[in-house]
Amino acid sequence: MFSLGEIGEQLKDVSRQSVGVSFAGQSLVLDTADDALQVVEAIKACPCLEYLDLEGNTLGTPAAEVIAEALKEKGTPLKRALWKDMFTGRLKTEIPKALEYLGTALCIASSQLTELDLSDNAFGPIGIEGLANLLASSPCYTLQQLKLNNNGLGISGGKMLAKALEKCYENSSNEGMPLTLKVFIVGRNRLENEGAQALASVFERLKTLEEVVMQQNGIYHMGIAAIAKGLSANPNLRVLNLNDNTIGLKGAKALAKALPIFRGLEELNLGDCLLKTKGALVIAEALQIHGNHTSLRNLDLGNNELRMDAGNAIAKAMHDKTLLTNLQLDGNCFGTEGREKLRQILTKLRKIDALNSLDEDYTEDEEEEDDNEDEQSEEDENDNNEDEVSDKDNEEQNNIARSTVVTVAEFMKSPIGEKLLLLQGDVQTFIDYVTNLANQSNIVEQKYIEELLRITMKVSALCDSGYMNVRIKAESLSDALYAKLFSYAVETNQISNFNNALLVNLGLIKSEDKTSGKIDWNLEGCFKALEKIAQRDYFLTQTRSMLKVFLEKPIKTSRANVIDPFQDSKTALKAVLDSIQVT
C-alpha cells in the first residue's frame, strides 16, 4: 500500500535539493589555469550553481583567478561557498590574492551567500586581509553560517575579522537587510582575550546568533566575560562551545549571568576550562533554574578538576532536562564515593543513561589543592596571572624553536607538530628506535609491530593539523611508516596480529591486554591519514575489508543515544574504502 501524498512530498524534497559542483576530497593540485580547467568546465556546465565545494584540494593563485572568472558568469545563484582545507602547501603570500579573486567574482556576480566555510586553511592574519573585502560586501549581507575553524588567526586576525563583520552589519543595515548571522565557528585560532573581546562586540550587535564555537583559543576570564556580555543580546543561542579555554571562577560567574537568557540552549561545552569546584557550582546554579533549559541535550564539564560537591550539584541541575542524552563529566576529581553518589542522583532523576564514562578520575590527594589554596588562587586570578601564563607559553614555544633537533623519544613523549618538524632523521630513525625496543622483549615480532604502530598513530594524528607544513610532513611520514608496517607483517607472517593491533589503536575494538595504554592521540587525524593510505598498493585487501566491517559497527555502550565523536571521520574513511572496492 502506498500513498500518493507521501510520494508527492518526496518529489518536493528532491526538487528542493540544492544543485552545485563538488570536488571535495579529490586532493587536486591546481597550480595553473590549465590545472583548474575541469573545475571551470564543471561550473560552466552547472545549470544553477547553488554550492561550490572545493574542500581537500589545493588552489594556487592562477587557478583561483580562472575559477573566479567562471564565477563572475555563473555565480549569481551561489549560496554555499564550501572552501575548507583549500590551500595546503601554498605560500601565505599566495592565499590573500586567491581569496581576493574569488571574493571579487562573487561581488560582480551579485551572489547572496548563506554559508561560507574556510576552515582548516591555516592562513593566519594575512588570510583575513584577503577575505575582509568579501565579508564586508553584499554577497555576505545574507550570510547565516560563517566557519573559520583552525586558521591560526591570532589576536590581529581576530580583530580584523571583527572589523570586517562590523562593516558588513553596518553596510547591510544601510541597505535595509541587516546581517542575520546564526552560526559562527572560529575555534583553534589563538584569539586570546583581545581577539575575543573584539568579536564579542560584534555578537552584541547581531542579536541573531544560534551557534557559537570558540574552543581552544587561549581565552581567559576577561575575554570570557566579554563573550558572555555580547552573547546576552542573542536569546536564541542553542549551542555554545568554549572548550579548552581558561574560564575559572570569574569567567564562570559571567557566563552564569548570561545562561538564563538562553532558554533554548541545547549544547553547552565547557570541558577542560579549569572551572574547578567553585566555578562549576556557579554554572550548576544557573542550569538548575526550573524550566529554563529544558532543551539541553549535551553538557560537557569534563576535565575541570571538579570535586564531589560540584558533581552532585551538576547532577541535581539535570532534574528537568528531559532531552538530555550526553553528560560528560570524566577527568574530574570525584573519587570513588563521589562517582557513586553522582550515579545515584542521576539514577533517581532517570538521567543515568545520559552519563558518559567516568573511567578517568583524578584523586584529590594527587591533583587538588586544599580548599583554602583553591579559593585563594581563584580569587587572586587577574591580568598579571594571565600574563605570567602567556609568558610561560611563549617561553616554551621559544625553547622548541631554538632547538635544532628532536629525538624520537622526545617526540613520543610530547607528539606535537613543532616537534615533528624538528625531528632528527627520517623514517629509518623510527625503525631503529622500534628495533631497539623490540630486541629487549621476549616476543620481538609482536613488540615490533605494537611499537611501530603506536608511533604511526602519533604521527598520523597530526594529519589533521591546521598547519600546512606539519600536515605535509605527517602525511609523508605516515605513508612511509605504514609501508614498513605492512612489509614487516607480511615478511614475518604477523598479518593477523597487525590487523588486530590496528583496530585496537583506532579505537574500533578493545584490547585484550589490560596493561596496554589508553589512546592518547587524535583519532580524527588517524582516520584522515588512512583515507589516502588505504589507496596505496601496499595496503592489503584483507585489511581494507576488515576496516570496512568494523567501521560499520556502531559503538558499544550501555548508555542510550551516545554520540560517536568520530562518526564523520569514520564515514569519510568508509566512503574511500567503498570506492576502492567498486573500482
Protein backbone atom coordinates (compact mmCIF):
# COMPACT_ATOMS: atom_id res chain seq x y z
CA MET A 1 0.00 0.00 0.00
CA PHE A 2 1.47 3.35 -0.98
CA SER A 3 0.39 6.92 -0.51
CA LEU A 4 0.29 9.41 -3.36
CA GLY A 5 0.63 12.14 -0.77
CA GLU A 6 3.88 10.68 0.55
CA ILE A 7 5.24 10.30 -2.97
CA GLY A 8 4.35 13.92 -3.67
CA GLU A 9 6.20 15.08 -0.57
CA GLN A 10 9.26 13.04 -1.55
CA LEU A 11 9.24 14.61 -5.01
CA LYS A 12 9.07 18.05 -3.40
CA ASP A 13 12.08 17.17 -1.24
CA VAL A 14 14.04 16.12 -4.33
CA SER A 15 13.13 19.34 -6.10
CA ARG A 16 14.30 21.33 -3.08
CA GLN A 17 17.74 19.71 -3.05
CA SER A 18 20.46 22.18 -3.93
CA VAL A 19 22.40 21.95 -7.16
CA GLY A 20 26.08 22.64 -7.44
CA VAL A 21 29.63 21.48 -8.08
CA SER A 22 31.75 19.39 -5.72
CA PHE A 23 35.38 18.32 -5.99
CA ALA A 24 35.55 17.58 -2.25
CA GLY A 25 38.34 15.30 -1.08
CA GLN A 26 39.89 14.72 -4.50
CA SER A 27 43.34 16.07 -3.48
CA LEU A 28 43.69 18.00 -6.71
CA VAL A 29 46.79 20.18 -7.06
CA LEU A 30 45.54 23.17 -9.01
CA ASP A 31 48.62 25.27 -9.71
CA THR A 32 47.89 26.72 -13.12
CA ALA A 33 44.90 27.84 -15.15
CA ASP A 34 45.10 24.60 -17.14
CA ASP A 35 45.03 22.54 -13.92
CA ALA A 36 41.77 24.24 -12.94
CA LEU A 37 40.10 23.64 -16.29
CA GLN A 38 37.99 20.72 -15.03
CA VAL A 39 36.63 22.87 -12.20
CA VAL A 40 35.90 25.75 -14.57
CA GLU A 41 34.09 23.46 -17.02
CA ALA A 42 32.01 21.93 -14.21
CA ILE A 43 30.99 25.40 -13.02
CA LYS A 44 30.02 26.49 -16.52
CA ALA A 45 28.07 23.29 -17.12
CA CYS A 46 26.07 23.59 -13.89
CA PRO A 47 22.54 24.89 -14.65
CA CYS A 48 22.16 26.57 -11.24
CA LEU A 49 25.30 26.81 -9.12
CA GLU A 50 23.95 26.90 -5.57
CA TYR A 51 27.08 25.47 -3.96
CA LEU A 52 30.77 25.11 -4.82
CA ASP A 53 32.68 22.58 -2.70
CA LEU A 54 36.46 22.61 -3.15
CA GLU A 55 37.39 21.05 0.20
CA GLY A 56 40.57 19.00 0.36
CA ASN A 57 42.19 20.34 -2.80
CA THR A 58 44.98 22.90 -3.10
CA LEU A 59 44.41 26.09 -5.04
CA GLY A 60 47.16 28.31 -6.45
CA THR A 61 46.68 31.94 -7.45
CA PRO A 62 46.46 31.34 -11.25
CA ALA A 63 43.91 28.56 -10.69
CA ALA A 64 41.87 30.77 -8.36
CA GLU A 65 41.86 33.52 -10.99
CA VAL A 66 40.31 31.37 -13.74
CA ILE A 67 37.79 29.83 -11.32
CA ALA A 68 36.87 33.37 -10.33
CA GLU A 69 36.27 34.27 -13.97
CA ALA A 70 33.81 31.37 -14.24
CA LEU A 71 32.09 32.52 -11.04
CA LYS A 72 31.59 36.01 -12.45
CA GLU A 73 29.44 34.41 -15.12
CA LYS A 74 27.78 31.58 -13.19
CA GLY A 75 28.00 32.63 -9.52
CA THR A 76 24.78 34.62 -9.17
CA PRO A 77 22.75 31.77 -7.55
CA LEU A 78 25.66 30.67 -5.31
CA LYS A 79 24.54 30.17 -1.70
CA ARG A 80 27.22 27.97 -0.17
CA ALA A 81 30.96 28.53 -0.64
CA LEU A 82 32.49 25.38 0.86
CA TRP A 83 36.19 26.18 0.68
CA LYS A 84 37.56 24.24 3.62
CA ASP A 85 41.18 22.94 3.56
CA MET A 86 41.80 24.55 0.18
CA PHE A 87 45.34 25.92 0.43
CA THR A 88 47.53 23.01 1.55
CA GLY A 89 51.16 23.63 0.67
CA ARG A 90 50.57 27.19 -0.50
CA LEU A 91 52.71 30.16 0.46
CA LYS A 92 50.90 32.52 2.78
CA THR A 93 51.52 35.30 0.27
CA GLU A 94 49.52 33.38 -2.37
CA ILE A 95 46.40 32.94 -0.28
CA PRO A 96 45.19 36.56 0.09
CA LYS A 97 45.35 37.09 -3.67
CA ALA A 98 43.44 33.87 -4.32
CA LEU A 99 40.75 34.92 -1.84
CA GLU A 100 40.57 38.38 -3.40
CA TYR A 101 39.95 36.89 -6.85
CA LEU A 102 37.16 34.66 -5.56
CA GLY A 103 35.60 37.39 -3.41
CA THR A 104 35.63 39.95 -6.22
CA ALA A 105 33.97 37.43 -8.53
CA LEU A 106 31.12 36.91 -6.08
CA CYS A 107 30.63 40.66 -5.80
CA ILE A 108 30.47 41.04 -9.59
CA ALA A 109 28.07 38.10 -9.85
CA SER A 110 25.87 39.60 -7.09
CA SER A 111 25.90 36.31 -5.18
CA GLN A 112 23.97 36.07 -1.92
CA LEU A 113 25.78 33.60 0.31
CA THR A 114 24.16 31.79 3.22
CA GLU A 115 27.24 29.73 4.16
CA LEU A 116 30.97 30.45 3.91
CA ASP A 117 33.31 27.74 5.17
CA LEU A 118 37.05 28.43 5.07
CA SER A 119 38.03 26.20 7.98
CA ASP A 120 41.33 24.30 8.21
CA ASN A 121 43.21 26.64 5.90
CA ALA A 122 45.72 27.92 8.49
CA PHE A 123 46.16 31.16 6.57
CA GLY A 124 46.68 33.33 9.66
CA PRO A 125 46.00 37.08 9.81
CA ILE A 126 47.16 37.56 6.22
CA GLY A 127 44.27 35.38 5.05
CA ILE A 128 41.75 37.71 6.68
CA GLU A 129 43.31 40.56 4.72
CA GLY A 130 42.26 38.81 1.52
CA LEU A 131 38.87 37.92 2.94
CA ALA A 132 37.92 41.24 4.56
CA ASN A 133 36.52 42.91 1.45
CA LEU A 134 34.25 39.95 0.70
CA LEU A 135 32.98 39.81 4.30
CA ALA A 136 32.04 43.49 4.20
CA SER A 137 30.41 43.30 0.75
CA SER A 138 26.92 42.48 -0.50
CA PRO A 139 27.45 38.71 -1.08
CA CYS A 140 27.77 38.36 2.73
CA TYR A 141 24.79 40.50 3.72
CA THR A 142 22.69 37.29 3.65
CA LEU A 143 25.28 35.14 5.43
CA GLN A 144 23.86 32.77 8.05
CA GLN A 145 26.85 30.48 8.66
CA LEU A 146 30.49 31.59 8.90
CA LYS A 147 33.03 28.86 9.62
CA LEU A 148 36.68 29.77 10.14
CA ASN A 149 37.82 26.96 12.40
CA ASN A 150 41.53 26.19 12.73
CA ASN A 151 43.03 29.06 10.77
CA GLY A 152 45.64 30.45 13.16
CA LEU A 153 44.14 33.95 13.07
CA GLY A 154 45.76 35.15 16.28
CA ILE A 155 44.82 38.38 18.03
CA SER A 156 45.39 40.60 14.98
CA GLY A 157 43.39 38.29 12.71
CA GLY A 158 40.55 38.20 15.23
CA LYS A 159 40.45 41.98 15.34
CA MET A 160 40.46 42.24 11.53
CA LEU A 161 37.66 39.68 11.34
CA ALA A 162 35.60 41.64 13.88
CA LYS A 163 36.14 44.87 11.95
CA ALA A 164 35.02 43.22 8.68
CA LEU A 165 31.89 41.82 10.31
CA GLU A 166 31.09 45.18 11.90
CA LYS A 167 31.34 46.77 8.47
CA CYS A 168 29.16 44.03 6.98
CA TYR A 169 26.50 44.69 9.61
CA GLU A 170 26.60 48.44 9.01
CA ASN A 171 26.54 48.16 5.22
CA SER A 172 23.75 45.57 5.20
CA SER A 173 21.71 47.64 7.66
CA ASN A 174 22.07 50.67 5.40
CA GLU A 175 20.65 48.53 2.59
CA GLY A 176 17.65 47.62 4.73
CA MET A 177 18.70 43.97 5.20
CA PRO A 178 20.80 43.71 8.41
CA LEU A 179 23.17 40.76 8.70
CA THR A 180 21.42 37.86 10.48
CA LEU A 181 24.33 35.53 11.17
CA LYS A 182 23.25 32.38 13.02
CA VAL A 183 26.30 30.10 13.10
CA PHE A 184 29.78 31.39 13.95
CA ILE A 185 32.62 28.87 14.24
CA VAL A 186 36.09 30.17 14.99
CA GLY A 187 37.78 27.50 17.16
CA ARG A 188 41.52 26.80 17.35
CA ASN A 189 42.64 30.29 16.33
CA ARG A 190 44.59 31.62 19.38
CA LEU A 191 42.33 34.66 19.57
CA GLU A 192 43.17 35.23 23.24
CA ASN A 193 41.40 37.95 25.25
CA GLU A 194 41.83 40.79 22.77
CA GLY A 195 40.54 38.84 19.78
CA ALA A 196 37.62 37.51 21.81
CA GLN A 197 36.71 40.97 23.08
CA ALA A 198 36.71 42.39 19.55
CA LEU A 199 34.38 39.64 18.31
CA ALA A 200 32.15 39.94 21.40
CA SER A 201 31.29 43.50 20.36
CA VAL A 202 30.04 42.08 17.05
CA PHE A 203 27.92 39.49 18.88
CA GLU A 204 26.25 42.28 20.83
CA ARG A 205 25.13 43.99 17.63
CA LEU A 206 23.98 40.89 15.74
CA LYS A 207 21.34 39.53 18.15
CA THR A 208 20.68 36.54 15.83
CA LEU A 209 23.36 34.00 16.81
CA GLU A 210 22.24 30.43 17.47
CA GLU A 211 25.55 28.56 17.48
CA VAL A 212 28.94 29.86 18.63
CA VAL A 213 32.05 27.65 18.71
CA MET A 214 35.27 29.18 20.06
CA GLN A 215 37.19 26.24 21.54
CA GLN A 216 40.98 26.27 22.06
CA ASN A 217 41.60 29.98 21.75
CA GLY A 218 43.67 30.79 24.84
CA ILE A 219 40.88 32.97 26.25
CA TYR A 220 40.91 33.87 29.98
CA HIS A 221 38.17 35.26 32.21
CA MET A 222 38.31 38.80 30.78
CA GLY A 223 37.64 37.50 27.28
CA ILE A 224 35.02 35.06 28.55
CA ALA A 225 33.20 37.89 30.34
CA ALA A 226 33.15 39.90 27.11
CA ILE A 227 31.78 36.92 25.16
CA ALA A 228 29.07 36.35 27.79
CA LYS A 229 28.05 40.00 27.63
CA GLY A 230 27.97 40.01 23.82
CA LEU A 231 26.01 36.78 23.61
CA SER A 232 23.45 38.07 26.10
CA ALA A 233 21.97 40.01 23.19
CA ASN A 234 21.33 36.71 21.38
CA PRO A 235 18.45 34.99 23.21
CA ASN A 236 18.08 32.26 20.57
CA LEU A 237 21.52 30.77 21.25
CA ARG A 238 21.31 26.95 21.07
CA VAL A 239 24.96 25.86 21.02
CA LEU A 240 27.90 27.33 22.97
CA ASN A 241 31.31 25.65 22.83
CA LEU A 242 34.16 27.27 24.78
CA ASN A 243 36.09 24.04 25.36
CA ASP A 244 39.77 24.29 26.33
CA ASN A 245 39.89 27.94 27.32
CA THR A 246 40.63 29.16 30.86
CA ILE A 247 37.29 30.24 32.32
CA GLY A 248 37.94 29.93 36.06
CA LEU A 249 35.60 31.27 38.74
CA LYS A 250 35.34 34.82 37.38
CA GLY A 251 34.55 33.60 33.88
CA ALA A 252 32.01 31.15 35.28
CA LYS A 253 30.23 33.96 37.12
CA ALA A 254 30.00 35.99 33.89
CA LEU A 255 28.60 33.00 31.98
CA ALA A 256 26.15 32.20 34.77
CA LYS A 257 24.61 35.66 34.42
CA ALA A 258 24.03 35.06 30.70
CA LEU A 259 22.86 31.43 30.76
CA PRO A 260 19.27 32.13 31.91
CA ILE A 261 18.80 34.23 28.77
CA PHE A 262 19.41 31.21 26.51
CA ARG A 263 16.20 29.34 27.28
CA GLY A 264 16.51 27.17 24.17
CA LEU A 265 20.10 26.08 24.89
CA GLU A 266 20.75 22.58 23.53
CA GLU A 267 24.51 22.17 23.89
CA LEU A 268 26.96 23.66 26.39
CA ASN A 269 30.62 22.63 26.19
CA LEU A 270 32.85 23.99 28.95
CA GLY A 271 35.15 20.98 29.12
CA ASP A 272 38.82 21.46 30.04
CA CYS A 273 38.22 25.08 31.12
CA LEU A 274 39.72 24.99 34.63
CA LEU A 275 36.35 25.73 36.21
CA LYS A 276 37.25 23.90 39.40
CA THR A 277 34.62 23.20 42.02
CA LYS A 278 33.59 26.80 42.72
CA GLY A 279 33.19 27.68 39.06
CA ALA A 280 31.16 24.55 38.36
CA LEU A 281 28.86 25.28 41.32
CA VAL A 282 28.08 28.67 39.83
CA ILE A 283 27.29 27.10 36.43
CA ALA A 284 25.17 24.38 38.08
CA GLU A 285 23.14 27.02 39.92
CA ALA A 286 22.35 28.77 36.63
CA LEU A 287 21.36 25.49 34.96
CA GLN A 288 19.20 24.42 37.88
CA ILE A 289 16.55 27.11 37.37
CA HIS A 290 13.41 25.06 36.83
CA GLY A 291 12.04 25.11 33.30
CA ASN A 292 14.79 27.34 31.93
CA HIS A 293 16.93 24.89 29.94
CA THR A 294 14.59 22.02 29.18
CA SER A 295 16.00 21.66 25.64
CA LEU A 296 19.53 20.85 26.87
CA ARG A 297 20.83 17.72 25.14
CA ASN A 298 24.61 17.84 25.58
CA LEU A 299 26.58 19.13 28.57
CA ASP A 300 30.38 18.79 28.79
CA LEU A 301 32.10 19.76 32.04
CA GLY A 302 34.85 17.15 31.84
CA ASN A 303 38.48 17.69 32.87
CA ASN A 304 37.76 20.65 35.14
CA GLU A 305 39.23 19.44 38.47
CA LEU A 306 35.74 19.17 39.97
CA ARG A 307 35.19 17.56 43.35
CA MET A 308 32.19 15.74 44.76
CA ASP A 309 30.16 18.84 45.69
CA ALA A 310 30.29 20.11 42.12
CA GLY A 311 29.40 16.68 40.71
CA ASN A 312 26.34 16.45 42.95
CA ALA A 313 25.20 19.97 42.08
CA ILE A 314 25.53 19.34 38.35
CA ALA A 315 23.60 16.08 38.63
CA LYS A 316 20.78 17.77 40.56
CA ALA A 317 20.62 20.56 37.97
CA MET A 318 19.64 17.93 35.38
CA HIS A 319 16.29 17.33 37.10
CA ASP A 320 14.15 18.87 34.33
CA LYS A 321 16.41 18.21 31.33
CA THR A 322 14.10 15.71 29.66
CA LEU A 323 16.02 15.72 26.36
CA LEU A 324 19.48 15.17 27.88
CA THR A 325 21.43 12.47 26.01
CA ASN A 326 25.09 13.29 26.66
CA LEU A 327 26.54 14.32 30.04
CA GLN A 328 30.36 14.40 30.04
CA LEU A 329 31.97 14.62 33.48
CA ASP A 330 35.03 12.41 33.02
CA GLY A 331 38.51 13.53 34.05
CA ASN A 332 37.47 15.22 37.31
CA CYS A 333 38.28 14.57 40.97
CA PHE A 334 35.11 12.96 42.32
CA GLY A 335 36.78 9.93 43.88
CA THR A 336 35.06 6.57 44.33
CA GLU A 337 32.45 7.92 46.74
CA GLY A 338 31.74 10.95 44.59
CA ARG A 339 31.25 8.90 41.44
CA GLU A 340 28.85 6.57 43.23
CA LYS A 341 26.87 9.49 44.66
CA LEU A 342 26.74 11.12 41.21
CA ARG A 343 25.33 7.94 39.68
CA GLN A 344 22.76 7.60 42.48
CA ILE A 345 21.43 11.13 41.92
CA LEU A 346 21.24 10.68 38.15
CA THR A 347 19.56 7.28 38.56
CA LYS A 348 16.94 8.80 40.85
CA LEU A 349 16.33 11.57 38.30
CA ARG A 350 16.21 8.95 35.48
CA LYS A 351 19.13 10.62 33.72
CA ILE A 352 21.76 7.91 34.24
CA ASP A 353 21.63 6.83 30.59
CA ALA A 354 22.98 10.23 29.56
CA LEU A 355 26.12 9.93 31.70
CA ASN A 356 29.29 9.12 29.78
CA SER A 357 32.22 7.13 31.13
CA LEU A 358 33.83 8.12 34.43
CA ASP A 359 36.92 6.00 33.82
CA GLU A 360 39.42 8.83 34.30
CA ASP A 361 39.20 10.25 37.80
CA TYR A 362 42.00 12.18 39.47
CA THR A 363 42.01 11.83 43.25
CA GLU A 364 42.07 14.88 45.47
CA ASP A 365 45.39 13.85 47.00
CA GLU A 366 47.10 13.78 43.64
CA GLU A 367 45.55 16.65 41.76
CA GLU A 368 43.69 19.06 44.07
CA GLU A 369 44.91 21.76 46.40
CA ASP A 370 43.08 22.17 49.70
CA ASP A 371 40.06 24.46 49.98
CA ASN A 372 41.99 27.49 51.20
CA GLU A 373 44.60 27.28 48.45
CA ASP A 374 41.94 26.71 45.82
CA GLU A 375 39.88 29.68 46.99
CA GLN A 376 42.92 31.93 47.21
CA SER A 377 44.18 31.01 43.74
CA GLU A 378 40.83 31.63 42.14
CA GLU A 379 40.05 34.87 43.97
CA ASP A 380 43.50 36.23 43.09
CA GLU A 381 43.08 35.48 39.39
CA ASN A 382 43.86 38.65 37.44
CA ASP A 383 45.55 40.04 34.38
CA ASN A 384 49.01 39.58 35.87
CA ASN A 385 48.31 35.86 36.30
CA GLU A 386 47.28 35.66 32.68
CA ASP A 387 50.40 37.48 31.53
CA GLU A 388 52.55 35.05 33.51
CA VAL A 389 50.85 32.08 31.89
CA SER A 390 51.24 33.64 28.46
CA ASP A 391 54.93 34.26 29.16
CA LYS A 392 55.39 30.63 30.11
CA ASP A 393 53.64 29.51 26.93
CA ASN A 394 55.82 31.81 24.85
CA GLU A 395 58.96 30.62 26.64
CA GLU A 396 58.05 27.01 25.92
CA GLN A 397 57.44 27.78 22.25
CA ASN A 398 60.73 29.70 22.03
CA ASN A 399 62.61 26.79 23.59
CA ILE A 400 61.18 24.49 20.93
CA ALA A 401 62.01 26.98 18.20
CA ARG A 402 65.60 27.29 19.43
CA SER A 403 66.07 23.53 19.40
CA THR A 404 67.97 22.20 16.44
CA VAL A 405 66.85 18.57 16.67
CA VAL A 406 64.26 16.43 18.46
CA THR A 407 64.75 12.72 19.10
CA VAL A 408 62.10 10.04 18.55
CA ALA A 409 61.85 9.53 22.32
CA GLU A 410 61.23 13.25 22.84
CA PHE A 411 58.59 13.29 20.11
CA MET A 412 56.81 10.24 21.58
CA LYS A 413 56.71 11.91 24.99
CA SER A 414 55.05 15.02 23.51
CA PRO A 415 53.90 14.36 19.92
CA ILE A 416 53.12 17.91 18.82
CA GLY A 417 53.54 19.49 15.39
CA GLU A 418 56.54 21.65 16.33
CA LYS A 419 58.50 18.60 17.47
CA LEU A 420 57.60 16.65 14.34
CA LEU A 421 59.10 19.42 12.21
CA LEU A 422 62.29 19.42 14.29
CA LEU A 423 62.58 15.62 14.34
CA GLN A 424 66.07 14.37 13.56
CA GLY A 425 66.43 11.88 10.70
CA ASP A 426 63.82 10.16 8.53
CA VAL A 427 61.66 7.04 8.76
CA GLN A 428 64.74 4.89 9.43
CA THR A 429 65.20 6.78 12.70
CA PHE A 430 61.82 5.45 13.83
CA ILE A 431 62.72 1.94 12.67
CA ASP A 432 65.97 1.96 14.66
CA TYR A 433 64.11 3.21 17.73
CA VAL A 434 61.48 0.45 17.47
CA THR A 435 64.05 -2.25 16.72
CA ASN A 436 65.93 -1.35 19.89
CA LEU A 437 62.71 -1.61 21.96
CA ALA A 438 61.64 -4.88 20.32
CA ASN A 439 65.03 -6.56 20.90
CA GLN A 440 64.53 -6.06 24.64
CA SER A 441 61.31 -8.11 24.54
CA ASN A 442 60.74 -11.87 24.59
CA ILE A 443 58.24 -11.54 21.74
CA VAL A 444 60.28 -9.50 19.28
CA GLU A 445 57.97 -9.60 16.26
CA GLN A 446 54.80 -8.73 18.15
CA LYS A 447 56.56 -5.99 20.13
CA TYR A 448 57.97 -4.51 16.91
CA ILE A 449 54.52 -4.21 15.37
CA GLU A 450 52.96 -2.80 18.55
CA GLU A 451 55.61 -0.11 19.00
CA LEU A 452 55.84 0.88 15.33
CA LEU A 453 52.06 1.08 15.08
CA ARG A 454 51.93 3.25 18.20
CA ILE A 455 54.44 5.64 16.60
CA THR A 456 52.46 5.60 13.36
CA MET A 457 49.31 6.60 15.24
CA LYS A 458 51.02 9.55 16.92
CA VAL A 459 52.48 10.75 13.63
CA SER A 460 49.30 10.27 11.59
CA ALA A 461 47.26 12.02 14.31
CA LEU A 462 48.94 15.21 13.07
CA CYS A 463 47.49 14.75 9.58
CA ASP A 464 44.57 16.77 10.95
CA SER A 465 46.83 19.68 11.94
CA GLY A 466 45.79 23.17 10.96
CA TYR A 467 49.34 23.99 9.92
CA MET A 468 50.24 23.04 6.38
CA ASN A 469 53.91 22.24 6.98
CA VAL A 470 53.03 19.93 9.88
CA ARG A 471 50.28 18.22 7.89
CA ILE A 472 52.51 17.65 4.87
CA LYS A 473 55.32 16.08 6.91
CA ALA A 474 52.86 13.96 8.91
CA GLU A 475 51.25 12.63 5.72
CA SER A 476 54.62 11.76 4.18
CA LEU A 477 55.93 10.03 7.30
CA SER A 478 52.65 8.18 7.85
CA ASP A 479 52.85 6.77 4.32
CA ALA A 480 56.42 5.54 4.89
CA LEU A 481 55.63 4.09 8.32
CA TYR A 482 52.57 2.19 7.11
CA ALA A 483 54.60 0.82 4.19
CA LYS A 484 57.18 -0.52 6.67
CA LEU A 485 54.44 -2.00 8.86
CA PHE A 486 52.77 -3.90 6.04
CA SER A 487 56.10 -5.11 4.68
CA TYR A 488 57.20 -6.39 8.09
CA ALA A 489 53.83 -8.02 8.83
CA VAL A 490 53.94 -9.93 5.54
CA GLU A 491 57.59 -10.98 5.91
CA THR A 492 57.12 -12.26 9.48
CA ASN A 493 53.66 -13.76 8.96
CA GLN A 494 52.17 -11.33 11.51
CA ILE A 495 49.30 -10.01 9.37
CA SER A 496 46.63 -11.18 11.81
CA ASN A 497 48.40 -9.57 14.78
CA PHE A 498 48.91 -6.37 12.81
CA ASN A 499 45.25 -6.15 11.76
CA ASN A 500 44.10 -6.71 15.34
CA ALA A 501 46.54 -4.11 16.68
CA LEU A 502 45.38 -1.60 14.05
CA LEU A 503 41.75 -1.98 15.17
CA VAL A 504 42.76 -1.51 18.81
CA ASN A 505 44.81 1.61 18.08
CA LEU A 506 41.95 3.11 16.07
CA GLY A 507 39.58 2.55 18.98
CA LEU A 508 37.41 0.15 16.93
CA ILE A 509 37.86 -2.77 19.37
CA LYS A 510 39.06 -3.07 22.95
CA SER A 511 42.47 -4.53 23.70
CA GLU A 512 42.61 -7.88 25.45
CA ASP A 513 45.84 -6.72 27.09
CA LYS A 514 44.77 -4.78 30.19
CA THR A 515 48.28 -3.32 30.56
CA SER A 516 48.18 -1.57 27.21
CA GLY A 517 47.98 2.20 27.44
CA LYS A 518 44.94 4.27 26.59
CA ILE A 519 44.57 6.03 23.28
CA ASP A 520 46.06 9.48 23.78
CA TRP A 521 46.25 10.60 20.15
CA ASN A 522 43.85 12.43 17.85
CA LEU A 523 41.86 9.72 16.08
CA GLU A 524 40.41 12.19 13.58
CA GLY A 525 43.90 12.67 12.16
CA CYS A 526 44.49 8.89 12.11
CA PHE A 527 41.27 8.26 10.16
CA LYS A 528 42.05 11.14 7.80
CA ALA A 529 45.52 9.72 7.08
CA LEU A 530 44.02 6.34 6.23
CA GLU A 531 41.83 7.90 3.54
CA LYS A 532 44.99 8.18 1.42
CA ILE A 533 47.00 5.30 2.90
CA ALA A 534 44.20 2.80 2.19
CA GLN A 535 44.57 3.53 -1.52
CA ARG A 536 48.26 2.58 -1.63
CA ASP A 537 49.33 -0.61 -3.40
CA TYR A 538 50.98 -1.97 -0.26
CA PHE A 539 47.73 -1.75 1.75
CA LEU A 540 46.44 -5.33 1.99
CA THR A 541 42.97 -6.15 0.66
CA GLN A 542 42.09 -8.11 3.79
CA THR A 543 42.99 -5.09 5.94
CA ARG A 544 40.68 -2.91 3.84
CA SER A 545 37.84 -5.42 4.21
CA MET A 546 38.40 -5.73 7.94
CA LEU A 547 38.38 -1.96 8.41
CA LYS A 548 35.17 -1.62 6.47
CA VAL A 549 33.42 -4.20 8.64
CA PHE A 550 34.42 -2.55 11.92
CA LEU A 551 33.75 0.98 10.68
CA GLU A 552 30.16 -0.07 10.01
CA LYS A 553 29.68 -1.35 13.56
CA PRO A 554 28.04 1.10 16.00
CA ILE A 555 29.90 1.94 19.20
CA LYS A 556 29.04 -0.43 22.02
CA THR A 557 27.68 1.22 25.12
CA SER A 558 25.13 0.65 27.83
CA ARG A 559 24.01 4.27 27.52
CA ALA A 560 21.31 5.29 25.08
CA ASN A 561 21.79 7.95 22.41
CA VAL A 562 25.53 8.37 22.95
CA ILE A 563 27.12 10.35 20.14
CA ASP A 564 30.21 8.86 18.47
CA PRO A 565 32.60 11.85 18.24
CA PHE A 566 34.46 10.26 15.32
CA GLN A 567 31.44 9.25 13.25
CA ASP A 568 32.10 11.79 10.49
CA SER A 569 35.74 10.69 10.20
CA LYS A 570 34.73 7.03 10.08
CA THR A 571 32.09 7.72 7.45
CA ALA A 572 34.62 9.55 5.27
CA LEU A 573 37.09 6.66 5.51
CA LYS A 574 34.41 4.08 4.79
CA ALA A 575 33.40 6.02 1.67
CA VAL A 576 37.00 5.78 0.43
CA LEU A 577 37.12 2.04 1.14
CA ASP A 578 33.81 1.54 -0.70
CA SER A 579 35.09 3.41 -3.74
CA ILE A 580 38.23 1.25 -3.85
CA GLN A 581 36.10 -1.89 -3.87
CA VAL A 582 33.87 -0.50 -6.59
CA THR A 583 36.80 0.37 -8.82
